[in-house]
Amino acid sequence: MAEAIAAGLVALALLFLVLQPLLLPSPTVPEPYQPPDAEETARGRALLALKEIEFDRATGKLSDEDFATLSARYQSAAIATLAGCAQCGGPMADRDRFCGRCGRAR
């Protein structure tokens, strides 16, 4: 008898957990997706490319000469992207050390 009661309680608890999202929906609404701006995407692509060529060199997929060529190319692209963000004019609070829009230091 006690086993049947315990099994019934476990079944009710499981049923509540399964139906909880339907019965008690979350009051918060997620923010809609905002695609990144073009500057952030360009910077991210350049930095990702640098990480990938470093990995390829470490695993022996790139020679030192190819790594030097690609590294110089992507480093200059990353630097150019970051330099272009210097004048982004993003809002910064007094406590902020970096721009939230472009990532540049104050």
C-alpha atoms as a PDB file:
ATOM      1  CA  MET A   1       0.000   0.000   0.000  1.00  0.00           C
ATOM      2  CA  ALA A   2       2.776   2.448   0.915  1.00  0.00           C
ATOM      3  CA  GLU A   3       4.540   1.647  -2.361  1.00  0.00           C
ATOM      4  CA  ALA A   4       1.425   2.505  -4.353  1.00  0.00           C
ATOM      5  CA  ILE A   5       1.067   5.840  -2.575  1.00  0.00           C
ATOM      6  CA  ALA A   6       4.760   6.654  -3.126  1.00  0.00           C
ATOM      7  CA  ALA A   7       4.477   5.688  -6.797  1.00  0.00           C
ATOM      8  CA  GLY A   8       1.393   7.876  -7.153  1.00  0.00           C
ATOM      9  CA  LEU A   9       3.183  10.853  -5.565  1.00  0.00           C
ATOM     10  CA  VAL A  10       6.181  10.391  -7.852  1.00  0.00           C
ATOM     11  CA  ALA A  11       3.848  10.173 -10.851  1.00  0.00           C
ATOM     12  CA  LEU A  12       2.075  13.380  -9.823  1.00  0.00           C
ATOM     13  CA  ALA A  13       5.384  15.171  -9.302  1.00  0.00           C
ATOM     14  CA  LEU A  14       6.599  14.083 -12.737  1.00  0.00           C
ATOM     15  CA  LEU A  15       3.319  15.112 -14.333  1.00  0.00           C
ATOM     16  CA  PHE A  16       3.594  18.549 -12.710  1.00  0.00           C
ATOM     17  CA  LEU A  17       7.184  18.960 -13.963  1.00  0.00           C
ATOM     18  CA  VAL A  18       6.137  18.051 -17.488  1.00  0.00           C
ATOM     19  CA  LEU A  19       3.072  20.315 -17.508  1.00  0.00           C
ATOM     20  CA  GLN A  20       4.624  23.216 -15.582  1.00  0.00           C
ATOM     21  CA  PRO A  21       5.700  25.209 -18.687  1.00  0.00           C
ATOM     22  CA  LEU A  22       2.133  25.013 -19.980  1.00  0.00           C
ATOM     23  CA  LEU A  23       0.420  25.753 -16.694  1.00  0.00           C
ATOM     24  CA  LEU A  24       2.782  28.453 -15.392  1.00  0.00           C
ATOM     25  CA  PRO A  25       4.399  30.226 -18.362  1.00  0.00           C
ATOM     26  CA  SER A  26       7.425  32.379 -17.692  1.00  0.00           C
ATOM     27  CA  PRO A  27       6.552  36.072 -17.329  1.00  0.00           C
ATOM     28  CA  THR A  28       9.739  37.215 -19.031  1.00  0.00           C
ATOM     29  CA  VAL A  29       9.806  37.640 -22.781  1.00  0.00           C
ATOM     30  CA  PRO A  30      13.170  37.062 -24.463  1.00  0.00           C
ATOM     31  CA  GLU A  31      14.711  39.929 -26.377  1.00  0.00           C
ATOM     32  CA  PRO A  32      14.431  39.629 -30.159  1.00  0.00           C
ATOM     33  CA  TYR A  33      17.600  38.687 -31.991  1.00  0.00           C
ATOM     34  CA  GLN A  34      19.701  41.681 -32.992  1.00  0.00           C
ATOM     35  CA  PRO A  35      22.289  40.902 -35.674  1.00  0.00           C
ATOM     36  CA  PRO A  36      25.752  42.297 -34.948  1.00  0.00           C
ATOM     37  CA  ASP A  37      26.770  45.446 -36.732  1.00  0.00           C
ATOM     38  CA  ALA A  38      29.213  45.239 -39.653  1.00  0.00           C
ATOM     39  CA  GLU A  39      32.231  46.466 -37.654  1.00  0.00           C
ATOM     40  CA  GLU A  40      31.802  43.790 -34.998  1.00  0.00           C
ATOM     41  CA  THR A  41      31.421  41.130 -37.637  1.00  0.00           C
ATOM     42  CA  ALA A  42      34.565  42.225 -39.489  1.00  0.00           C
ATOM     43  CA  ARG A  43      36.595  42.330 -36.270  1.00  0.00           C
ATOM     44  CA  GLY A  44      35.280  38.954 -35.191  1.00  0.00           C
ATOM     45  CA  ARG A  45      36.106  37.401 -38.549  1.00  0.00           C
ATOM     46  CA  ALA A  46      39.671  38.739 -38.461  1.00  0.00           C
ATOM     47  CA  LEU A  47      40.299  37.517 -34.919  1.00  0.00           C
ATOM     48  CA  LEU A  48      38.748  34.129 -35.657  1.00  0.00           C
ATOM     49  CA  ALA A  49      40.957  33.774 -38.737  1.00  0.00           C
ATOM     50  CA  LEU A  50      44.030  34.503 -36.600  1.00  0.00           C
ATOM     51  CA  LYS A  51      43.036  31.803 -34.120  1.00  0.00           C
ATOM     52  CA  GLU A  52      42.421  29.324 -36.915  1.00  0.00           C
ATOM     53  CA  ILE A  53      45.775  29.855 -38.595  1.00  0.00           C
ATOM     54  CA  GLU A  54      47.534  29.578 -35.214  1.00  0.00           C
ATOM     55  CA  PHE A  55      45.780  26.255 -34.677  1.00  0.00           C
ATOM     56  CA  ASP A  56      46.644  25.086 -38.191  1.00  0.00           C
ATOM     57  CA  ARG A  57      50.294  25.939 -37.605  1.00  0.00           C
ATOM     58  CA  ALA A  58      50.302  24.125 -34.261  1.00  0.00           C
ATOM     59  CA  THR A  59      48.826  20.998 -35.847  1.00  0.00           C
ATOM     60  CA  GLY A  60      51.263  21.083 -38.767  1.00  0.00           C
ATOM     61  CA  LYS A  61      48.772  22.065 -41.467  1.00  0.00           C
ATOM     62  CA  LEU A  62      50.557  25.350 -42.247  1.00  0.00           C
ATOM     63  CA  SER A  63      54.237  25.933 -42.885  1.00  0.00           C
ATOM     64  CA  ASP A  64      56.015  28.749 -41.087  1.00  0.00           C
ATOM     65  CA  GLU A  65      56.158  30.790 -44.293  1.00  0.00           C
ATOM     66  CA  ASP A  66      52.420  30.418 -44.953  1.00  0.00           C
ATOM     67  CA  PHE A  67      51.687  31.232 -41.329  1.00  0.00           C
ATOM     68  CA  ALA A  68      53.766  34.412 -41.489  1.00  0.00           C
ATOM     69  CA  THR A  69      52.020  35.548 -44.668  1.00  0.00           C
ATOM     70  CA  LEU A  70      48.504  34.820 -43.409  1.00  0.00           C
ATOM     71  CA  SER A  71      49.234  36.174 -39.946  1.00  0.00           C
ATOM     72  CA  ALA A  72      50.446  39.499 -41.354  1.00  0.00           C
ATOM     73  CA  ARG A  73      47.371  39.754 -43.564  1.00  0.00           C
ATOM     74  CA  TYR A  74      44.840  39.021 -40.818  1.00  0.00           C
ATOM     75  CA  GLN A  75      46.646  41.105 -38.196  1.00  0.00           C
ATOM     76  CA  SER A  76      46.561  44.121 -40.482  1.00  0.00           C
ATOM     77  CA  ALA A  77      42.851  43.484 -41.149  1.00  0.00           C
ATOM     78  CA  ALA A  78      42.122  43.264 -37.414  1.00  0.00           C
ATOM     79  CA  ILE A  79      44.114  46.416 -36.683  1.00  0.00           C
ATOM     80  CA  ALA A  80      42.411  48.305 -39.489  1.00  0.00           C
ATOM     81  CA  THR A  81      39.010  47.232 -38.213  1.00  0.00           C
ATOM     82  CA  LEU A  82      39.822  48.286 -34.669  1.00  0.00           C
ATOM     83  CA  ALA A  83      41.279  51.600 -35.812  1.00  0.00           C
ATOM     84  CA  GLY A  84      38.111  52.289 -37.772  1.00  0.00           C
ATOM     85  CA  CYS A  85      36.052  51.795 -34.609  1.00  0.00           C
ATOM     86  CA  ALA A  86      37.899  54.500 -32.689  1.00  0.00           C
ATOM     87  CA  GLN A  87      35.434  57.133 -33.820  1.00  0.00           C
ATOM     88  CA  CYS A  88      32.295  55.034 -33.335  1.00  0.00           C
ATOM     89  CA  GLY A  89      30.799  57.466 -30.827  1.00  0.00           C
ATOM     90  CA  GLY A  90      29.178  54.771 -28.735  1.00  0.00           C
ATOM     91  CA  PRO A  91      27.736  55.821 -25.356  1.00  0.00           C
ATOM     92  CA  MET A  92      30.034  55.191 -22.400  1.00  0.00           C
ATOM     93  CA  ALA A  93      29.336  55.626 -18.700  1.00  0.00           C
ATOM     94  CA  ASP A  94      32.005  57.075 -16.418  1.00  0.00           C
ATOM     95  CA  ARG A  95      32.708  53.631 -14.917  1.00  0.00           C
ATOM     96  CA  ASP A  96      33.199  51.987 -18.337  1.00  0.00           C
ATOM     97  CA  ARG A  97      36.765  51.237 -19.364  1.00  0.00           C
ATOM     98  CA  PHE A  98      35.870  49.968 -22.836  1.00  0.00           C
ATOM     99  CA  CYS A  99      33.338  50.982 -25.465  1.00  0.00           C
ATOM    100  CA  GLY A 100      30.406  48.572 -25.610  1.00  0.00           C
ATOM    101  CA  ARG A 101      29.995  49.134 -29.342  1.00  0.00           C
ATOM    102  CA  CYS A 102      33.557  48.803 -30.655  1.00  0.00           C
ATOM    103  CA  GLY A 103      35.540  47.454 -27.697  1.00  0.00           C
ATOM    104  CA  ARG A 104      38.127  50.212 -27.714  1.00  0.00           C
ATOM    105  CA  ALA A 105      39.640  51.372 -24.423  1.00  0.00           C
ATOM    106  CA  ARG A 106      38.680  54.807 -23.132  1.00  0.00           C
END
